[in-house]
Protein backbone atom coordinates (compact mmCIF):
# COMPACT_ATOMS: atom_id res chain seq x y z
CA MET A 1 0.00 0.00 0.00
CA ILE A 2 1.34 3.44 -1.01
CA VAL A 3 1.59 5.80 1.96
CA ARG A 4 0.90 9.50 1.35
CA ILE A 5 1.23 12.41 3.75
CA PRO A 6 -0.46 15.82 3.81
CA CYS A 7 1.19 18.82 2.14
CA SER A 8 2.78 21.06 4.80
CA ASN A 9 0.88 24.09 3.48
CA PRO A 10 -2.10 24.46 5.89
CA ASN A 11 -4.21 25.89 3.04
CA CYS A 12 -3.63 22.87 0.81
CA ASN A 13 -5.39 19.50 1.09
CA HIS A 14 -3.15 17.54 -1.31
CA LEU A 15 -1.56 14.25 -0.25
CA ILE A 16 1.98 13.62 -1.45
CA LEU A 17 4.57 10.86 -1.38
CA PRO A 18 7.18 10.94 1.40
CA GLU A 19 9.88 11.13 -1.30
CA THR A 20 8.26 14.29 -2.68
CA ALA A 21 8.02 15.83 0.79
CA ALA A 22 11.73 15.12 1.37
CA ALA A 23 12.66 16.83 -1.91
CA THR A 24 10.44 19.89 -1.48
CA GLY A 25 10.57 20.51 2.26
CA GLY A 26 7.11 19.04 2.84
CA GLN A 27 5.09 20.83 0.16
CA CYS A 28 3.35 19.46 -2.91
CA ARG A 29 4.62 20.45 -6.32
CA PRO A 30 1.74 22.91 -7.06
CA CYS A 31 2.48 24.77 -3.81
CA VAL A 32 6.22 24.86 -4.58
CA ASN A 33 5.51 26.18 -8.08
CA ALA A 34 3.12 28.80 -6.69
CA GLU A 35 5.74 30.06 -4.24
CA GLN A 36 8.40 30.17 -6.94
CA ARG A 37 6.02 32.08 -9.21
CA LYS A 38 5.22 34.54 -6.42
CA ALA A 39 8.92 35.09 -5.74
CA TYR A 40 9.61 35.55 -9.46
CA LEU A 41 6.90 38.21 -9.81
CA ALA A 42 8.09 39.99 -6.66
CA GLU A 43 11.64 40.07 -8.05
CA ILE A 44 10.36 41.56 -11.30
CA GLU A 45 8.39 44.22 -9.43
CA ARG A 46 11.49 45.22 -7.42
CA ASN A 47 13.67 45.49 -10.52
CA ARG A 48 11.24 46.67 -13.21
CA LYS A 49 12.19 49.98 -14.81
CA GLU A 50 9.87 52.56 -16.30
CA VAL A 51 11.27 53.59 -19.68
CA ASN A 52 10.00 56.68 -21.48
CA LEU A 53 11.22 56.76 -25.07
CA TYR A 54 9.33 59.92 -25.94
CA ASP A 55 11.56 62.96 -25.56
CA PRO A 56 9.28 66.02 -25.29
CA HIS A 57 11.66 67.90 -27.58
CA ASP A 58 11.61 65.21 -30.26
CA SER A 59 9.59 65.46 -33.48
CA ALA A 60 6.15 63.98 -34.11
CA LEU A 61 7.75 61.84 -36.83
CA ASN A 62 10.19 60.20 -34.41
CA TRP A 63 7.44 59.71 -31.84
CA LEU A 64 5.34 57.97 -34.48
CA LYS A 65 8.22 55.71 -35.53
CA LEU A 66 8.80 54.76 -31.90
CA SER A 67 5.09 54.09 -31.39
CA LEU A 68 4.92 51.81 -34.44
CA THR A 69 8.11 49.87 -33.65
CA PRO A 70 7.41 46.30 -32.44
CA ARG A 71 9.23 45.58 -29.19
CA LYS A 72 10.36 42.27 -27.80
CA HIS A 73 8.68 41.63 -24.47
CA ASP A 74 10.94 42.21 -21.48
CA PRO A 75 9.31 41.71 -18.07
CA LEU A 76 11.87 44.05 -16.48
CA ILE A 77 10.91 47.00 -18.67
CA SER A 78 7.63 48.95 -18.63
CA TYR A 79 7.36 51.34 -21.55
CA THR A 80 5.53 54.62 -21.06
CA ALA A 81 2.66 55.04 -23.52
CA CYS A 82 3.00 57.66 -26.23
CA PRO A 83 1.42 60.97 -25.07
CA LYS A 84 -0.37 61.34 -28.43
CA THR A 85 -2.39 58.88 -30.49
CA ARG A 86 -0.89 57.70 -33.74
CA GLN A 87 -3.66 59.43 -35.65
CA GLN A 88 -2.85 62.73 -33.90
CA LEU A 89 0.83 62.34 -34.74
CA LEU A 90 0.06 61.60 -38.39
CA ALA A 91 -2.01 64.77 -38.62
CA ARG A 92 1.02 66.82 -37.51
CA LEU A 93 3.36 65.51 -40.24
CA ASN A 94 4.17 67.68 -43.25
CA PRO A 95 4.39 66.20 -46.79
CA ASN A 96 8.17 65.69 -46.58
CA GLU A 97 7.83 63.83 -43.27
CA LEU A 98 5.08 61.62 -44.70
CA ASP A 99 7.37 60.76 -47.62
CA GLU A 100 10.14 59.93 -45.16
CA LEU A 101 7.81 57.67 -43.20
CA ARG A 102 6.82 55.85 -46.40
CA ASP A 103 10.51 55.43 -47.34
CA THR A 104 11.19 54.04 -43.87
CA ALA A 105 8.51 51.41 -44.47
CA ILE A 106 10.02 50.47 -47.84
CA ALA A 107 13.50 50.16 -46.31
CA ASN A 108 12.16 47.77 -43.64
CA LEU A 109 9.92 45.57 -45.80
CA ILE A 110 12.45 42.72 -45.85
CA GLU A 111 14.37 42.98 -42.58
CA ASN A 112 11.60 44.28 -40.33
CA PRO A 113 8.28 43.50 -42.06
CA HIS A 114 6.06 43.99 -38.98
CA PHE A 115 7.39 47.52 -38.49
CA ALA A 116 6.91 48.28 -42.19
CA GLU A 117 3.38 46.91 -42.15
CA ASN A 118 2.45 48.99 -39.11
CA ILE A 119 3.58 52.14 -40.90
CA LEU A 120 1.80 51.30 -44.14
CA ARG A 121 -1.49 50.49 -42.42
CA TYR A 122 -1.65 53.90 -40.78
CA LEU A 123 -0.51 55.74 -43.90
CA SER A 124 -3.10 53.91 -45.98
CA SER A 125 -6.01 54.43 -43.59
CA PHE A 126 -5.41 57.94 -42.24
CA THR A 127 -3.54 59.89 -44.92
CA GLN A 128 -3.89 60.73 -48.60
CA LEU A 129 -0.24 59.88 -49.30
CA ASN A 130 0.38 58.06 -52.58
CA LEU A 131 1.81 54.63 -51.73
CA LEU A 132 2.52 53.60 -55.33
CA PRO A 133 6.33 53.47 -54.68
CA VAL A 134 5.71 50.59 -52.24
CA LEU A 135 4.00 48.30 -54.76
CA PRO A 136 7.03 47.18 -56.84
CA TYR A 137 8.64 45.87 -53.65
CA LEU A 138 5.47 43.96 -52.75
CA LEU A 139 5.22 42.45 -56.24
CA ASN A 140 8.88 41.41 -56.29
CA ASN A 141 8.38 39.56 -53.01
CA HIS A 142 4.94 38.13 -53.87
CA ASP A 143 3.56 39.94 -50.84
CA TYR A 144 -0.18 40.46 -51.33
CA SER A 145 -1.14 40.26 -47.65
CA PHE A 146 -2.06 43.96 -47.45
CA GLU A 147 -4.25 44.00 -50.55
CA GLN A 148 -5.74 47.46 -49.87
CA LEU A 149 -2.41 49.06 -50.85
CA PHE A 150 -2.98 48.02 -54.45
CA ARG A 151 -5.62 50.71 -54.86
CA TYR A 152 -2.63 52.97 -55.58
CA ALA A 153 -1.58 50.84 -58.58
CA ASP A 154 -0.80 52.50 -61.92
CA ASN A 155 -1.28 50.89 -65.35
CA ALA A 156 2.08 49.09 -65.21
CA ILE A 157 1.41 47.52 -61.81
CA THR A 158 -2.11 46.59 -62.88
CA GLU A 159 -0.80 44.88 -66.00
CA LYS A 160 1.65 42.84 -63.90
CA LEU A 161 -1.17 41.76 -61.59
CA ILE A 162 -3.27 40.67 -64.58
CA GLU A 163 -0.33 38.66 -65.93
CA ARG A 164 0.16 36.96 -62.58
CA VAL A 165 -3.52 36.11 -62.29
CA GLU A 166 -3.37 34.44 -65.70
CA GLN A 167 -0.29 32.46 -64.68
CA ALA A 168 -2.68 30.55 -62.36
CA ASP A 169 0.00 29.77 -59.77
CA GLU A 170 -0.27 29.50 -55.98
CA TYR A 171 -0.63 33.29 -55.69
CA GLN A 172 -3.66 33.55 -57.98
CA ASN A 173 -6.32 34.05 -55.29
CA LEU A 174 -4.29 36.76 -53.58
CA CYS A 175 -3.58 38.46 -56.93
CA LEU A 176 -7.30 38.49 -57.77
CA ILE A 177 -8.13 40.28 -54.50
CA ALA A 178 -5.26 42.73 -55.02
CA LEU A 179 -6.46 43.40 -58.57
CA ALA A 180 -9.99 43.99 -57.31
CA TRP A 181 -8.63 46.71 -55.00
CA VAL A 182 -7.05 48.44 -58.02
CA ASN A 183 -10.64 49.32 -59.00
CA THR A 184 -9.84 51.15 -62.25
CA PRO A 185 -11.32 50.73 -65.75
CA GLN A 186 -8.27 48.61 -66.60
CA ALA A 187 -9.06 46.23 -63.73
CA HIS A 188 -12.79 46.29 -64.57
CA GLN A 189 -12.03 45.26 -68.14
CA ALA A 190 -9.92 42.33 -66.96
CA PHE A 191 -12.70 41.01 -64.71
CA LEU A 192 -15.29 41.60 -67.46
CA LYS A 193 -13.14 39.66 -69.96
CA TRP A 194 -12.82 36.70 -67.58
CA GLN A 195 -16.53 36.91 -66.74
CA THR A 196 -17.76 36.89 -70.37
CA GLN A 197 -15.03 34.65 -71.80
CA PRO A 198 -14.14 32.27 -68.96
CA PRO A 199 -10.56 31.02 -69.35
CA ALA A 200 -9.49 27.51 -68.46
CA TRP A 201 -7.93 28.61 -65.17
CA LEU A 202 -11.24 30.07 -63.94
CA LYS A 203 -12.11 26.68 -62.44
CA GLN A 204 -9.18 26.95 -60.06
CA PRO A 205 -9.97 30.03 -57.90
CA SER A 206 -11.67 29.15 -54.65
CA LEU A 207 -14.36 31.86 -55.08
CA PRO A 208 -16.57 33.18 -57.89
CA LEU A 209 -15.12 36.27 -59.59
CA ASN A 210 -17.73 38.61 -58.12
CA GLN A 211 -16.74 37.51 -54.62
CA TYR A 212 -13.19 38.74 -55.20
CA THR A 213 -14.45 42.17 -56.26
CA ALA A 214 -16.80 42.21 -53.25
CA TYR A 215 -13.71 42.17 -51.02
CA ALA A 216 -12.90 45.54 -52.60
CA HIS A 217 -16.57 46.64 -52.27
CA TRP A 218 -17.64 46.69 -55.93
CA GLN A 219 -18.91 44.36 -58.62
CA LEU A 220 -19.89 44.18 -62.28
CA ASP A 221 -23.58 43.67 -62.98
CA THR A 222 -24.91 41.24 -65.57
CA LEU A 223 -24.28 43.81 -68.32
CA GLY A 224 -20.72 44.43 -67.20
CA ASN A 225 -21.41 47.82 -65.64
CA TYR A 226 -19.47 48.93 -62.58
CA GLN A 227 -21.55 48.92 -59.41
CA PRO A 228 -20.28 50.14 -56.01
CA LEU A 229 -21.42 48.11 -53.01
CA THR A 230 -21.11 50.98 -50.53
CA PHE A 231 -22.23 54.60 -50.20
CA GLU A 232 -20.10 57.71 -49.89
CA PRO A 233 -19.54 60.07 -48.12
CA CYS A 234 -18.88 58.18 -44.91
CA TYR A 235 -19.68 59.51 -41.42
CA ALA A 236 -18.84 58.42 -37.90
CA ILE A 237 -21.61 57.51 -35.46
CA ARG A 238 -21.44 58.90 -31.92
CA VAL A 239 -23.64 59.05 -28.83
CA ARG A 240 -25.75 62.21 -28.84
CA SER A 241 -24.27 64.78 -26.47
CA THR A 242 -26.69 67.71 -26.89
CA VAL A 243 -30.43 67.95 -27.40
CA GLU A 244 -29.87 70.03 -30.53
CA GLN A 245 -28.43 67.04 -32.37
CA THR A 246 -30.86 64.88 -34.35
CA ALA A 247 -30.72 61.25 -33.30
CA ILE A 248 -30.62 58.47 -35.89
CA GLY A 249 -31.82 55.93 -33.31
CA TYR A 250 -30.26 52.82 -31.87
CA LEU A 251 -32.11 49.81 -30.53
CA ASP A 252 -35.19 51.95 -30.09
CA LYS A 253 -38.21 49.62 -29.72
CA THR A 254 -40.91 49.70 -32.41
CA LEU A 255 -44.56 48.69 -32.17
CA GLU A 256 -44.01 45.72 -34.48
CA ALA A 257 -43.19 42.32 -32.97
CA CYS A 258 -40.74 39.77 -34.33
CA PRO A 259 -42.78 36.86 -35.75
CA CYS A 260 -40.12 34.41 -34.52
CA CYS A 261 -39.76 35.29 -30.83
CA THR A 262 -42.67 37.79 -30.39
CA MET A 263 -40.29 40.38 -28.88
CA PRO A 264 -40.47 43.97 -30.24
CA LEU A 265 -38.41 44.74 -33.31
CA GLU A 266 -35.98 47.60 -32.76
CA THR A 267 -34.64 50.43 -34.87
CA LEU A 268 -30.94 49.95 -35.44
CA ALA A 269 -30.60 53.17 -37.45
CA ARG A 270 -32.84 55.73 -39.09
CA ILE A 271 -31.05 57.87 -41.67
CA ASN A 272 -31.84 60.43 -44.36
CA PRO A 273 -29.85 59.46 -47.48
CA SER A 274 -30.57 62.78 -49.18
CA GLN A 275 -28.91 64.73 -46.37
CA LEU A 276 -25.93 62.40 -46.53
CA GLY A 277 -25.51 63.05 -50.26
CA TRP A 278 -26.21 59.44 -51.26
CA VAL A 279 -29.52 59.20 -53.16
CA THR A 280 -32.81 61.06 -53.17
CA ALA A 281 -34.99 59.53 -50.47
CA ALA A 282 -36.65 60.91 -47.35
CA GLN A 283 -35.77 58.17 -44.86
CA TRP A 284 -34.42 54.66 -44.52
CA GLU A 285 -35.19 52.77 -41.32
CA PHE A 286 -33.12 49.69 -40.52
CA LEU A 287 -34.66 47.21 -38.08
CA VAL A 288 -33.28 44.33 -36.07
CA CYS A 289 -34.46 41.76 -33.55
CA GLN A 290 -31.82 41.74 -30.85
CA TYR A 291 -32.74 38.16 -29.91
CA CYS A 292 -33.04 36.58 -33.40
CA THR A 293 -30.85 38.53 -35.85
CA PRO A 294 -27.55 37.39 -34.25
CA PHE A 295 -28.57 33.77 -34.85
CA GLN A 296 -29.64 34.17 -38.50
CA GLU A 297 -27.42 34.76 -41.50
CA VAL A 298 -29.51 37.71 -42.67
CA THR A 299 -32.88 39.27 -41.82
CA PHE A 300 -34.88 41.21 -44.43
CA PHE A 301 -37.25 44.13 -43.95
CA GLU A 302 -39.38 46.17 -46.36
CA LEU A 303 -39.67 49.95 -46.45
CA ASP A 304 -43.09 51.56 -46.82
CA ALA A 305 -43.78 54.86 -48.60
CA GLN A 306 -42.58 56.83 -45.55
CA GLY A 307 -39.32 54.84 -45.33
CA CYS A 308 -40.38 52.91 -42.22
CA GLY A 309 -39.18 49.32 -41.96
CA HIS A 310 -41.41 46.24 -41.53
CA TRP A 311 -40.76 42.51 -41.25
CA SER A 312 -40.43 40.98 -44.71
CA SER A 313 -42.29 37.92 -45.94
CA TYR A 314 -39.02 36.83 -47.58
CA ASN A 315 -37.73 35.77 -44.15
CA ALA A 316 -38.02 32.12 -43.24
CA THR A 317 -40.07 32.52 -40.07
CA THR A 318 -39.40 29.83 -37.50
CA HIS A 319 -41.61 30.21 -34.45
CA HIS A 320 -40.03 29.38 -31.12
CA SER A 321 -40.85 29.96 -27.50
CA ASN A 322 -39.61 33.23 -26.07
CA THR A 323 -36.87 32.51 -23.55
CA ALA A 324 -35.44 36.02 -23.65
CA ASP A 325 -34.59 37.59 -20.36
CA PRO A 326 -36.00 41.15 -20.28
CA GLU A 327 -33.21 42.20 -17.94
CA SER A 328 -30.65 41.24 -20.60
CA ALA A 329 -32.09 43.72 -23.11
CA TRP A 330 -29.58 46.20 -24.49
CA GLU A 331 -29.74 49.80 -23.46
CA ALA A 332 -31.29 52.26 -25.89
CA PHE A 333 -28.99 55.02 -27.06
CA ASP A 334 -29.55 58.18 -29.01
CA LEU A 335 -26.90 58.18 -31.71
CA VAL A 336 -25.98 60.93 -34.15
CA ILE A 337 -24.14 61.14 -37.42
CA ALA A 338 -20.89 62.90 -36.60
CA GLU A 339 -17.76 63.90 -38.50
CA GLN A 340 -17.10 62.85 -42.08
CA ARG A 341 -14.27 60.37 -42.56
CA PRO A 342 -12.56 58.72 -45.56
CA ALA A 343 -14.42 55.65 -46.79
CA ILE A 344 -11.49 53.35 -46.13
CA GLU A 345 -10.53 54.70 -42.72
CA ARG A 346 -12.15 52.02 -40.53
CA SER A 347 -12.02 49.01 -42.87
CA ASP A 348 -8.66 47.69 -41.60
CA GLN A 349 -9.35 45.09 -38.93
CA PHE A 350 -5.89 45.47 -37.36
CA LEU A 351 -6.21 49.11 -36.36
CA PRO A 352 -7.56 49.70 -32.81
CA GLU A 353 -10.17 52.34 -33.60
CA ASP A 354 -13.93 52.79 -33.23
CA TYR A 355 -15.82 51.26 -36.14
CA SER A 356 -19.44 52.47 -36.01
CA GLN A 357 -20.32 54.48 -39.11
CA VAL A 358 -22.76 55.09 -41.95
CA GLY A 359 -21.42 54.61 -45.46
CA GLY A 360 -17.81 53.89 -46.32
CA PHE A 361 -16.12 50.50 -46.37
CA PRO A 362 -17.26 48.04 -43.69
CA HIS A 363 -14.93 46.51 -41.13
CA TRP A 364 -15.63 42.78 -41.17
CA VAL A 365 -15.36 41.00 -37.82
CA GLN A 366 -15.43 37.64 -39.59
CA ASP A 367 -15.56 37.68 -43.40
CA CYS A 368 -16.84 39.81 -46.26
CA TYR A 369 -20.63 39.52 -46.53
CA TYR A 370 -22.98 41.18 -49.01
CA PRO A 371 -26.47 39.60 -49.17
CA ASN A 372 -28.51 39.33 -52.36
CA CYS A 373 -31.87 41.07 -52.53
CA PRO A 374 -34.56 38.37 -52.14
CA GLN A 375 -36.74 40.12 -54.74
CA CYS A 376 -34.41 41.04 -57.64
CA THR A 377 -31.40 38.86 -56.60
CA GLN A 378 -28.99 41.79 -57.05
CA THR A 379 -26.27 42.36 -54.46
CA MET A 380 -27.42 44.76 -51.76
CA GLN A 381 -25.39 47.85 -50.81
CA PHE A 382 -23.82 48.32 -47.40
CA THR A 383 -25.23 51.31 -45.49
CA ALA A 384 -24.06 51.23 -41.85
CA GLN A 385 -22.30 49.27 -39.14
CA LEU A 386 -22.73 49.55 -35.38
CA ALA A 387 -20.25 47.95 -33.00
CA THR A 388 -22.36 47.33 -29.90
CA ASP A 389 -19.42 47.33 -27.48
CA GLU A 390 -18.74 50.98 -28.32
CA PHE A 391 -22.02 52.04 -26.75
CA SER A 392 -22.94 49.43 -24.15
CA SER A 393 -20.86 47.39 -21.71
CA GLY A 394 -21.33 43.65 -21.46
CA VAL A 395 -22.26 43.14 -25.12
CA GLU A 396 -20.20 42.53 -28.23
CA GLY A 397 -20.58 42.07 -31.94
CA THR A 398 -21.27 44.28 -34.93
CA PHE A 399 -24.52 44.80 -36.84
CA TYR A 400 -24.34 45.54 -40.57
CA THR A 401 -27.21 47.01 -42.58
CA TYR A 402 -27.83 46.90 -46.32
CA ILE A 403 -30.39 48.13 -48.84
CA CYS A 404 -31.66 47.36 -52.32
CA VAL A 405 -32.66 50.85 -53.45
CA ASN A 406 -34.73 49.60 -56.40
CA CYS A 407 -36.81 47.18 -54.32
CA SER A 408 -36.93 49.21 -51.05
CA ILE A 409 -35.76 46.15 -49.12
CA THR A 410 -33.27 46.39 -46.27
CA ALA A 411 -31.25 43.69 -44.53
CA SER A 412 -29.51 43.23 -41.19
CA HIS A 413 -26.55 40.96 -40.56
CA TYR A 414 -24.53 40.26 -37.41
CA GLN A 415 -20.93 39.17 -36.81
CA GLN A 416 -18.92 38.66 -33.64
CA THR A 417 -15.58 37.19 -32.64
């Protein structure tokens, strides 16, 4: 019979072998490890140094470079955060400094790619700087991971992308997405040619051609005409701070009940597209069921003559018992359309910014998604996204809204990590 003895730690109820007790001074291995871990952390705390790399007399350019430089973790060093946000620093750079920052990225593409990528992401999203000089380096290294940069491509770069697509090698899918981001008549003609005269290699891509262009937020219709999948201008969405501001709504309960769970439908957003400079229409109301929409791929609604949304008969209604907890309902917020921003500014998923907006390019939490109108089967246009965690604690996920202008049908879609 194996004899075991209690661990010498009075707060531990483990039984250990006598041999273990002799080796550890009477404690079990978990207690020994816990003490060693505690001593290790205490030693780090005693010796950790606070390091401030940001000299107040240094330039905004150097601050930005320091902020974007990846650092190897060292438990004995605590770096002071940059006093300014990266976006604020970018706004202070003059054209020559922006060019220098771009050249720094190019110089580090091979030896320090993470640093270079950090720079290029911020330059691409928050400045109007032409990043065409970067593209030859990306092509030479078959680096298509940051496909949005190819929207700066000229005719020569575009022609090289087309040639590489037609080579049908292992980079073909990435080249197709990069070419879609070029989004020029030259790129449109290439996609139209492959769409109307399918080459032999067209069986190889993992997606239909129109799905590649959807990643760049456009498509060609059945007649080959260019069709944007988003609206511009783009505006941020903020919580209303004064009574003078006109709210666009947010999870504001309506009088109509969801046919699936019988809970009230709610207004996700109510916007005036004419005031936004999109199309001539008085109002678009986008509805959602906070209990059902997150569990369905897409939910459709129909706009009446006044632009008010109603549950659509195109939805597959599945009745189920209502198990929703009223206390778990999201708070209602009054939201407003705030400052205008570039369409691409919030589409990069790797930039830590707020994402709620109307118009512009969506930021996908999971993958690119544009539903087809259930009436005319055309791809619907993206209109707004609301990241719920920006306005309410304890919830997560992003709602996306779409519209088919010709059919007056809206859609709501939900994604979360």
